[in-house]
Amino acid sequence: MRITSAQAKRLGILPAGSRGRKSATKTNSKKKAPRQRSRLPEPAGEIALVIPGKAVPKERPRTVRDANGDVRTFTPGRTTRYSKTISTVGQSAMRGYGPFSGPVACVMTFVFPVPRSWSAERREKALAGAILPTIRPDLDNVAKTILDGLNGIVFYDDAQITTKTVSKVYGATPETRLVFRPLAAEPAVVLKKAA
């Protein structure tokens, strides 16, 4: 069944001012650039990073309709700010080196602050590792934020992570400790060299 532009506007399918040929949603027509190998040498050993502050989980993109009726999708600001912090720390750690090009092993330790309301005895147990943080955020959500923030910096793509050890602990200072090291195995996909 076909409907006219006027009917579509009344139903809220098309934005005001549209002639019926445009979609109500904006699409991103940019093509993803092919992954290329950096001209910089890869690190010979492991790379260690410490990201300050409490870990922020990957939040789902939000979709809103603006005043014109157009649909707009965006990443929440908290996730965007934390991703920028991750990228900045990653770039400073990789200064002078290009990303790993083969399989990579990763160790992530998320350090959470001990709640202030806890007794001194309970705080001491938490700092010693006898009490572990079975609290939100979920490990998979915070790990996703970290790996997405380091794409193209420490490794070309998070698909290169073949071994991952992730843990949550209590500590005096909230931070995220990361260690990345290359694995001796052959990669399934060889990246293109930079032109």
Protein backbone atom coordinates (compact mmCIF):
# COMPACT_ATOMS: atom_id res chain seq x y z
CA MET A 1 0.00 0.00 0.00
CA ARG A 2 1.33 3.44 -0.92
CA ILE A 3 0.71 6.61 1.05
CA THR A 4 1.14 10.25 0.11
CA SER A 5 3.74 12.58 1.65
CA ALA A 6 0.97 14.39 3.53
CA GLN A 7 -0.24 11.11 5.06
CA ALA A 8 3.33 10.16 5.98
CA LYS A 9 3.86 13.53 7.69
CA ARG A 10 0.66 13.10 9.70
CA LEU A 11 1.79 9.63 10.80
CA GLY A 12 5.20 11.01 11.77
CA ILE A 13 7.08 8.89 9.25
CA LEU A 14 8.69 11.81 7.37
CA PRO A 15 10.13 15.01 8.83
CA ALA A 16 8.43 18.32 8.10
CA GLY A 17 9.66 19.82 4.84
CA SER A 18 10.48 16.44 3.29
CA ARG A 19 9.14 15.68 -0.17
CA GLY A 20 8.85 11.96 0.36
CA ARG A 21 12.08 10.99 -1.35
CA LYS A 22 14.35 11.25 1.69
CA SER A 23 14.35 8.84 4.58
CA ALA A 24 13.52 10.10 8.05
CA THR A 25 16.78 8.65 9.32
CA LYS A 26 20.17 9.97 8.36
CA THR A 27 22.60 7.31 7.23
CA ASN A 28 26.34 7.45 7.43
CA SER A 29 27.62 6.82 3.91
CA LYS A 30 31.30 6.95 4.87
CA LYS A 31 33.13 3.73 4.10
CA LYS A 32 35.48 2.28 6.65
CA ALA A 33 39.11 2.71 5.59
CA PRO A 34 41.06 -0.54 5.19
CA ARG A 35 43.34 -1.39 8.10
CA GLN A 36 46.93 -0.61 7.26
CA ARG A 37 50.15 -1.39 9.01
CA SER A 38 51.91 1.54 10.67
CA ARG A 39 55.32 2.74 9.49
CA LEU A 40 56.46 2.71 13.13
CA PRO A 41 58.01 -0.47 14.56
CA GLU A 42 55.93 -2.73 16.78
CA PRO A 43 56.85 -2.99 20.46
CA ALA A 44 59.18 -5.94 21.04
CA GLY A 45 57.70 -6.83 24.42
CA GLU A 46 54.72 -6.02 26.54
CA ILE A 47 53.08 -2.63 26.95
CA ALA A 48 51.67 -1.65 30.36
CA LEU A 49 49.14 1.15 30.89
CA VAL A 50 47.36 2.61 33.91
CA ILE A 51 44.14 4.51 33.26
CA PRO A 52 43.23 6.73 36.24
CA GLY A 53 39.72 6.90 37.69
CA LYS A 54 36.83 4.51 38.07
CA ALA A 55 36.09 2.33 35.02
CA VAL A 56 33.10 3.38 32.92
CA PRO A 57 31.02 0.67 31.22
CA LYS A 58 30.19 0.84 27.52
CA GLU A 59 26.76 2.47 27.30
CA ARG A 60 24.32 1.75 24.51
CA PRO A 61 23.96 4.42 21.82
CA ARG A 62 20.95 6.70 22.33
CA THR A 63 18.51 7.55 19.56
CA VAL A 64 16.43 10.72 19.64
CA ARG A 65 14.19 12.60 17.27
CA ASP A 66 15.14 16.27 16.89
CA ALA A 67 12.81 19.25 16.36
CA ASN A 68 12.75 18.65 12.59
CA GLY A 69 11.71 15.04 13.09
CA ASP A 70 15.09 13.67 12.02
CA VAL A 71 16.43 10.68 13.93
CA ARG A 72 19.85 11.17 15.51
CA THR A 73 21.98 8.51 17.22
CA PHE A 74 24.80 9.38 19.60
CA THR A 75 27.05 7.82 22.21
CA PRO A 76 26.43 9.11 25.76
CA GLY A 77 28.93 11.74 26.94
CA ARG A 78 30.28 9.73 29.86
CA THR A 79 31.36 6.89 27.55
CA THR A 80 32.83 9.33 25.01
CA ARG A 81 34.89 11.17 27.66
CA TYR A 82 36.23 7.92 29.13
CA SER A 83 37.13 6.62 25.63
CA LYS A 84 39.12 9.80 24.99
CA THR A 85 41.01 9.31 28.28
CA ILE A 86 41.78 5.71 27.29
CA SER A 87 43.02 6.81 23.86
CA THR A 88 45.23 9.54 25.35
CA VAL A 89 46.86 7.12 27.82
CA GLY A 90 47.30 4.54 25.05
CA GLN A 91 48.94 7.05 22.71
CA SER A 92 51.41 8.18 25.36
CA ALA A 93 52.33 4.55 26.16
CA MET A 94 52.80 3.72 22.46
CA ARG A 95 54.84 6.84 21.64
CA GLY A 96 57.44 5.78 19.06
CA TYR A 97 55.74 2.45 18.34
CA GLY A 98 53.02 1.31 15.99
CA PRO A 99 50.17 -1.03 16.97
CA PHE A 100 50.69 -4.76 17.40
CA SER A 101 49.86 -6.49 14.12
CA GLY A 102 49.52 -10.11 15.24
CA PRO A 103 47.73 -11.97 18.02
CA VAL A 104 47.78 -10.17 21.39
CA ALA A 105 47.30 -11.31 24.99
CA CYS A 106 45.66 -8.87 27.38
CA VAL A 107 45.47 -8.66 31.17
CA MET A 108 42.97 -6.17 32.61
CA THR A 109 42.62 -5.36 36.30
CA PHE A 110 39.85 -2.95 37.29
CA VAL A 111 40.51 -1.40 40.70
CA PHE A 112 37.42 -0.09 42.53
CA PRO A 113 37.41 2.08 45.65
CA VAL A 114 36.38 0.47 48.93
CA PRO A 115 33.02 1.92 50.08
CA ARG A 116 33.51 4.59 52.76
CA SER A 117 30.66 3.19 54.83
CA TRP A 118 32.56 -0.05 55.49
CA SER A 119 34.23 -0.69 58.86
CA ALA A 120 38.03 -0.54 59.17
CA GLU A 121 38.18 -4.33 59.46
CA ARG A 122 36.09 -4.88 56.35
CA ARG A 123 38.09 -2.25 54.41
CA GLU A 124 41.32 -4.02 55.39
CA LYS A 125 39.94 -7.36 54.14
CA ALA A 126 38.88 -5.77 50.85
CA LEU A 127 42.29 -4.19 50.29
CA ALA A 128 43.96 -7.55 51.06
CA GLY A 129 41.79 -9.29 48.43
CA ALA A 130 39.67 -11.29 50.88
CA ILE A 131 36.53 -9.42 49.70
CA LEU A 132 36.02 -8.92 45.97
CA PRO A 133 33.78 -6.34 44.25
CA THR A 134 30.71 -8.26 43.08
CA ILE A 135 29.19 -4.92 42.09
CA ARG A 136 28.33 -3.18 38.86
CA PRO A 137 29.67 -2.45 36.29
CA ASP A 138 29.88 -5.83 34.59
CA LEU A 139 33.36 -6.90 33.49
CA ASP A 140 32.39 -7.42 29.85
CA ASN A 141 30.99 -3.87 29.57
CA VAL A 142 34.07 -2.14 31.01
CA ALA A 143 36.42 -4.39 29.02
CA LYS A 144 34.56 -3.42 25.83
CA THR A 145 35.09 0.29 26.55
CA ILE A 146 38.83 -0.27 27.06
CA LEU A 147 39.33 -2.35 23.91
CA ASP A 148 37.29 0.04 21.74
CA GLY A 149 39.29 3.01 23.07
CA LEU A 150 42.60 1.34 22.17
CA ASN A 151 41.63 0.24 18.64
CA GLY A 152 44.21 1.54 16.17
CA ILE A 153 46.56 2.58 19.00
CA VAL A 154 47.82 -0.53 20.80
CA PHE A 155 46.42 -2.98 18.22
CA TYR A 156 44.74 -2.50 14.87
CA ASP A 157 41.49 -4.17 15.88
CA ASP A 158 40.24 -5.76 19.08
CA ALA A 159 39.71 -8.97 17.07
CA GLN A 160 43.48 -9.45 17.53
CA ILE A 161 42.95 -10.09 21.26
CA THR A 162 43.09 -13.89 21.43
CA THR A 163 43.74 -14.24 25.18
CA LYS A 164 42.09 -12.01 27.77
CA THR A 165 42.29 -12.14 31.56
CA VAL A 166 39.95 -9.70 33.30
CA SER A 167 39.49 -9.12 37.03
CA LYS A 168 37.92 -6.67 39.51
CA VAL A 169 39.59 -5.87 42.84
CA TYR A 170 39.34 -3.27 45.59
CA GLY A 171 42.16 -0.77 46.00
CA ALA A 172 43.08 2.54 47.57
CA THR A 173 42.90 4.39 44.22
CA PRO A 174 40.37 3.60 41.47
CA GLU A 175 42.20 2.81 38.22
CA THR A 176 42.48 0.31 35.41
CA ARG A 177 45.74 -1.60 34.93
CA LEU A 178 46.39 -3.05 31.50
CA VAL A 179 49.15 -5.22 30.06
CA PHE A 180 49.29 -6.14 26.37
CA ARG A 181 51.88 -8.53 24.96
CA PRO A 182 52.36 -10.03 21.52
CA LEU A 183 51.90 -13.76 21.08
CA ALA A 184 54.31 -15.82 19.00
CA ALA A 185 51.52 -17.48 16.99
CA GLU A 186 50.91 -16.63 13.34
CA PRO A 187 47.93 -14.34 12.66
CA ALA A 188 45.05 -15.70 10.56
CA VAL A 189 44.83 -12.39 8.64
CA VAL A 190 47.86 -10.37 7.54
CA LEU A 191 47.34 -6.60 7.52
CA LYS A 192 48.20 -4.48 4.47
CA LYS A 193 51.37 -2.39 4.58
CA ALA A 194 51.03 1.39 4.53
CA ALA A 195 51.51 2.94 1.09
